[in-house]
Amino acid sequence: MFTAGQPFPKFELPDQNSDIRTSDEFAGKPFVVYFYPKDDTSGCTLESCEFSERIPDFGDIAVIGVSPDSVKSHAKFAKKHDLKITLLADTERTLIEPNGLWIEKMLYGKKYMGVDRTTVLVGADGIIKQVWNKVKPEGHAAEVLAAAKS
């Protein structure tokens, strides 16, 4: 699990444009990473669109969405909703699973594995400043923005 006061883990993942993005390129500036279950589902769309709409308010704070969906899925999702954020495809769950976000869930009485919706605010020093677990999508981007700007 992510913990405030700890360094954010290194990563190297493709974005929705198939460009490899690494944690090093975000060094020296604060950034937000939100982990979400699946492209183009109601809650994930709401959350991603709210973050995208707030990009001007975040200023130089990068906003990065991460899910286990493919680059192709991310590209389609970003285009459909005109998203202005970076979406990373963690298809092998190299960032999701080691950080305790790949969990057993239940829907309509059926168990399955999925992403535990979580957001992490990272300072310019690479240290985690705040973690939101069990995120409710509606209004979450505003909550994160307020914390990032305080």
C-alpha atoms as a PDB file:
ATOM      1  CA  MET A   1       0.000   0.000   0.000  1.00  0.00           C
ATOM      2  CA  PHE A   2       1.029   3.548  -0.566  1.00  0.00           C
ATOM      3  CA  THR A   3       1.933   5.472   2.583  1.00  0.00           C
ATOM      4  CA  ALA A   4       2.423   9.197   3.105  1.00  0.00           C
ATOM      5  CA  GLY A   5       6.071   9.977   3.805  1.00  0.00           C
ATOM      6  CA  GLN A   6       7.385   7.167   1.589  1.00  0.00           C
ATOM      7  CA  PRO A   7       8.903   7.643  -1.883  1.00  0.00           C
ATOM      8  CA  PHE A   8       6.635   6.933  -4.830  1.00  0.00           C
ATOM      9  CA  PRO A   9       7.892   3.798  -6.630  1.00  0.00           C
ATOM     10  CA  LYS A  10       9.779   3.981  -9.903  1.00  0.00           C
ATOM     11  CA  PHE A  11       7.816   3.051 -13.007  1.00  0.00           C
ATOM     12  CA  GLU A  12       8.174   2.678 -16.761  1.00  0.00           C
ATOM     13  CA  LEU A  13       4.854   2.254 -18.580  1.00  0.00           C
ATOM     14  CA  PRO A  14       3.370   3.128 -21.978  1.00  0.00           C
ATOM     15  CA  ASP A  15       0.820   5.902 -22.259  1.00  0.00           C
ATOM     16  CA  GLN A  16      -2.223   6.170 -24.508  1.00  0.00           C
ATOM     17  CA  ASN A  17       0.040   7.236 -27.399  1.00  0.00           C
ATOM     18  CA  SER A  18       2.388   4.223 -26.945  1.00  0.00           C
ATOM     19  CA  ASP A  19       5.113   6.525 -25.572  1.00  0.00           C
ATOM     20  CA  ILE A  20       7.085   5.038 -22.672  1.00  0.00           C
ATOM     21  CA  ARG A  21       6.711   7.255 -19.618  1.00  0.00           C
ATOM     22  CA  THR A  22       8.942   6.919 -16.588  1.00  0.00           C
ATOM     23  CA  SER A  23       8.862   8.224 -13.059  1.00  0.00           C
ATOM     24  CA  ASP A  24      12.084  10.126 -13.805  1.00  0.00           C
ATOM     25  CA  GLU A  25      10.314  12.521 -16.179  1.00  0.00           C
ATOM     26  CA  PHE A  26       8.034  13.649 -13.347  1.00  0.00           C
ATOM     27  CA  ALA A  27      10.905  14.234 -10.900  1.00  0.00           C
ATOM     28  CA  GLY A  28      11.235  17.745  -9.523  1.00  0.00           C
ATOM     29  CA  LYS A  29       7.539  18.578  -9.873  1.00  0.00           C
ATOM     30  CA  PRO A  30       4.525  17.458  -7.884  1.00  0.00           C
ATOM     31  CA  PHE A  31       2.202  14.965  -9.551  1.00  0.00           C
ATOM     32  CA  VAL A  32      -1.008  13.038  -8.955  1.00  0.00           C
ATOM     33  CA  VAL A  33      -1.470   9.377  -9.829  1.00  0.00           C
ATOM     34  CA  TYR A  34      -4.961   7.950  -9.728  1.00  0.00           C
ATOM     35  CA  PHE A  35      -5.492   4.226 -10.117  1.00  0.00           C
ATOM     36  CA  TYR A  36      -8.804   3.186 -11.621  1.00  0.00           C
ATOM     37  CA  PRO A  37     -10.366  -0.160 -12.558  1.00  0.00           C
ATOM     38  CA  LYS A  38     -11.415   0.077 -16.219  1.00  0.00           C
ATOM     39  CA  ASP A  39     -11.618   2.455 -19.162  1.00  0.00           C
ATOM     40  CA  ASP A  40     -15.023   3.720 -20.226  1.00  0.00           C
ATOM     41  CA  THR A  41     -17.008   2.461 -17.242  1.00  0.00           C
ATOM     42  CA  SER A  42     -19.275   4.917 -15.468  1.00  0.00           C
ATOM     43  CA  GLY A  43     -17.201   5.676 -12.357  1.00  0.00           C
ATOM     44  CA  CYS A  44     -13.876   5.649 -14.174  1.00  0.00           C
ATOM     45  CA  THR A  45     -15.216   7.923 -16.898  1.00  0.00           C
ATOM     46  CA  LEU A  46     -16.586  10.365 -14.338  1.00  0.00           C
ATOM     47  CA  GLU A  47     -13.317  10.433 -12.417  1.00  0.00           C
ATOM     48  CA  SER A  48     -11.148  10.791 -15.537  1.00  0.00           C
ATOM     49  CA  CYS A  49     -13.338  13.519 -17.027  1.00  0.00           C
ATOM     50  CA  GLU A  50     -13.331  15.492 -13.770  1.00  0.00           C
ATOM     51  CA  PHE A  51      -9.522  15.339 -13.582  1.00  0.00           C
ATOM     52  CA  SER A  52      -9.279  16.295 -17.259  1.00  0.00           C
ATOM     53  CA  GLU A  53     -11.606  19.284 -16.836  1.00  0.00           C
ATOM     54  CA  ARG A  54      -9.488  20.518 -13.919  1.00  0.00           C
ATOM     55  CA  ILE A  55      -6.121  20.285 -15.717  1.00  0.00           C
ATOM     56  CA  PRO A  56      -5.821  24.098 -16.041  1.00  0.00           C
ATOM     57  CA  ASP A  57      -6.363  24.401 -12.269  1.00  0.00           C
ATOM     58  CA  PHE A  58      -3.630  21.857 -11.516  1.00  0.00           C
ATOM     59  CA  GLY A  59      -1.098  24.055 -13.351  1.00  0.00           C
ATOM     60  CA  ASP A  60       2.316  22.374 -13.382  1.00  0.00           C
ATOM     61  CA  ILE A  61       1.064  19.400 -11.351  1.00  0.00           C
ATOM     62  CA  ALA A  62       0.880  16.412 -13.721  1.00  0.00           C
ATOM     63  CA  VAL A  63      -2.183  14.182 -13.472  1.00  0.00           C
ATOM     64  CA  ILE A  64      -1.683  10.543 -14.425  1.00  0.00           C
ATOM     65  CA  GLY A  65      -4.325   7.828 -14.620  1.00  0.00           C
ATOM     66  CA  VAL A  66      -3.263   4.177 -14.321  1.00  0.00           C
ATOM     67  CA  SER A  67      -5.288   1.061 -15.067  1.00  0.00           C
ATOM     68  CA  PRO A  68      -4.540  -2.440 -16.329  1.00  0.00           C
ATOM     69  CA  ASP A  69      -6.202  -1.639 -19.678  1.00  0.00           C
ATOM     70  CA  SER A  70      -4.183  -1.726 -22.901  1.00  0.00           C
ATOM     71  CA  VAL A  71      -2.645   1.215 -24.770  1.00  0.00           C
ATOM     72  CA  LYS A  72      -5.308   0.747 -27.462  1.00  0.00           C
ATOM     73  CA  SER A  73      -8.088   0.882 -24.862  1.00  0.00           C
ATOM     74  CA  HIS A  74      -6.582   4.020 -23.301  1.00  0.00           C
ATOM     75  CA  ALA A  75      -6.251   5.701 -26.694  1.00  0.00           C
ATOM     76  CA  LYS A  76      -9.907   5.020 -27.508  1.00  0.00           C
ATOM     77  CA  PHE A  77     -11.030   6.166 -24.029  1.00  0.00           C
ATOM     78  CA  ALA A  78      -8.966   9.376 -24.187  1.00  0.00           C
ATOM     79  CA  LYS A  79     -10.212  10.225 -27.668  1.00  0.00           C
ATOM     80  CA  LYS A  80     -13.871   9.473 -26.913  1.00  0.00           C
ATOM     81  CA  HIS A  81     -13.879  11.754 -23.850  1.00  0.00           C
ATOM     82  CA  ASP A  82     -11.270  14.282 -25.073  1.00  0.00           C
ATOM     83  CA  LEU A  83      -9.145  13.606 -21.989  1.00  0.00           C
ATOM     84  CA  LYS A  84      -6.277  16.021 -21.300  1.00  0.00           C
ATOM     85  CA  ILE A  85      -4.462  13.706 -18.900  1.00  0.00           C
ATOM     86  CA  THR A  86      -1.838  11.006 -19.267  1.00  0.00           C
ATOM     87  CA  LEU A  87      -3.171   7.452 -19.065  1.00  0.00           C
ATOM     88  CA  LEU A  88      -0.661   4.695 -18.346  1.00  0.00           C
ATOM     89  CA  ALA A  89      -1.288   1.107 -19.379  1.00  0.00           C
ATOM     90  CA  ASP A  90      -0.168  -1.194 -16.573  1.00  0.00           C
ATOM     91  CA  THR A  91      -1.246  -4.391 -18.350  1.00  0.00           C
ATOM     92  CA  GLU A  92       1.223  -6.520 -16.362  1.00  0.00           C
ATOM     93  CA  ARG A  93       0.203  -4.712 -13.142  1.00  0.00           C
ATOM     94  CA  THR A  94       3.843  -3.904 -12.308  1.00  0.00           C
ATOM     95  CA  LEU A  95       2.806  -0.759 -10.437  1.00  0.00           C
ATOM     96  CA  ILE A  96      -0.688  -1.830  -9.378  1.00  0.00           C
ATOM     97  CA  GLU A  97      -0.057  -5.258  -7.850  1.00  0.00           C
ATOM     98  CA  PRO A  98       3.116  -4.665  -5.758  1.00  0.00           C
ATOM     99  CA  ASN A  99       1.393  -1.695  -4.126  1.00  0.00           C
ATOM    100  CA  GLY A 100      -1.591  -3.714  -2.933  1.00  0.00           C
ATOM    101  CA  LEU A 101      -4.118  -2.315  -5.393  1.00  0.00           C
ATOM    102  CA  TRP A 102      -5.013  -5.612  -7.123  1.00  0.00           C
ATOM    103  CA  ILE A 103      -7.749  -6.895  -4.836  1.00  0.00           C
ATOM    104  CA  GLU A 104     -10.678  -9.269  -4.724  1.00  0.00           C
ATOM    105  CA  LYS A 105     -13.943  -7.460  -5.388  1.00  0.00           C
ATOM    106  CA  MET A 106     -17.570  -8.497  -5.596  1.00  0.00           C
ATOM    107  CA  LEU A 107     -20.275  -7.427  -8.029  1.00  0.00           C
ATOM    108  CA  TYR A 108     -23.763  -8.903  -8.017  1.00  0.00           C
ATOM    109  CA  GLY A 109     -22.540 -11.702  -5.759  1.00  0.00           C
ATOM    110  CA  LYS A 110     -19.691 -12.663  -8.073  1.00  0.00           C
ATOM    111  CA  LYS A 111     -16.061 -12.405  -6.949  1.00  0.00           C
ATOM    112  CA  TYR A 112     -13.386 -11.084  -9.302  1.00  0.00           C
ATOM    113  CA  MET A 113     -10.009  -9.373  -9.161  1.00  0.00           C
ATOM    114  CA  GLY A 114      -9.732  -5.666  -9.906  1.00  0.00           C
ATOM    115  CA  VAL A 115      -8.088  -2.361  -9.073  1.00  0.00           C
ATOM    116  CA  ASP A 116      -8.780  -0.744  -5.712  1.00  0.00           C
ATOM    117  CA  ARG A 117      -9.554   2.859  -6.744  1.00  0.00           C
ATOM    118  CA  THR A 118      -6.789   4.877  -5.090  1.00  0.00           C
ATOM    119  CA  THR A 119      -5.182   8.288  -5.625  1.00  0.00           C
ATOM    120  CA  VAL A 120      -1.704   9.387  -4.597  1.00  0.00           C
ATOM    121  CA  LEU A 121      -0.389  12.965  -4.351  1.00  0.00           C
ATOM    122  CA  VAL A 122       3.383  13.093  -4.753  1.00  0.00           C
ATOM    123  CA  GLY A 123       5.531  16.118  -3.902  1.00  0.00           C
ATOM    124  CA  ALA A 124       8.279  17.557  -6.079  1.00  0.00           C
ATOM    125  CA  ASP A 125      10.740  15.591  -3.931  1.00  0.00           C
ATOM    126  CA  GLY A 126       9.139  12.286  -5.001  1.00  0.00           C
ATOM    127  CA  ILE A 127       7.697  11.675  -1.535  1.00  0.00           C
ATOM    128  CA  ILE A 128       4.043  10.713  -1.158  1.00  0.00           C
ATOM    129  CA  LYS A 129       2.174  13.589   0.480  1.00  0.00           C
ATOM    130  CA  GLN A 130      -1.321  12.109   0.680  1.00  0.00           C
ATOM    131  CA  VAL A 131      -3.178   8.916  -0.227  1.00  0.00           C
ATOM    132  CA  TRP A 132      -6.893   8.481  -0.876  1.00  0.00           C
ATOM    133  CA  ASN A 133      -8.160   4.890  -0.606  1.00  0.00           C
ATOM    134  CA  LYS A 134     -11.573   3.528  -1.634  1.00  0.00           C
ATOM    135  CA  VAL A 135     -12.167   6.665  -3.716  1.00  0.00           C
ATOM    136  CA  LYS A 136     -15.663   7.731  -4.698  1.00  0.00           C
ATOM    137  CA  PRO A 137     -15.269   9.248  -8.198  1.00  0.00           C
ATOM    138  CA  GLU A 138     -17.714  12.148  -8.008  1.00  0.00           C
ATOM    139  CA  GLY A 139     -16.010  15.313  -6.763  1.00  0.00           C
ATOM    140  CA  HIS A 140     -12.710  13.535  -6.141  1.00  0.00           C
ATOM    141  CA  ALA A 141     -10.677  15.676  -8.569  1.00  0.00           C
ATOM    142  CA  ALA A 142     -11.707  18.830  -6.658  1.00  0.00           C
ATOM    143  CA  GLU A 143     -10.695  17.205  -3.368  1.00  0.00           C
ATOM    144  CA  VAL A 144      -7.274  16.254  -4.753  1.00  0.00           C
ATOM    145  CA  LEU A 145      -6.798  19.717  -6.281  1.00  0.00           C
ATOM    146  CA  ALA A 146      -7.528  21.376  -2.923  1.00  0.00           C
ATOM    147  CA  ALA A 147      -4.944  19.171  -1.201  1.00  0.00           C
ATOM    148  CA  ALA A 148      -2.376  19.716  -3.971  1.00  0.00           C
ATOM    149  CA  LYS A 149      -2.727  23.491  -3.785  1.00  0.00           C
ATOM    150  CA  SER A 150      -2.614  23.709   0.024  1.00  0.00           C
END
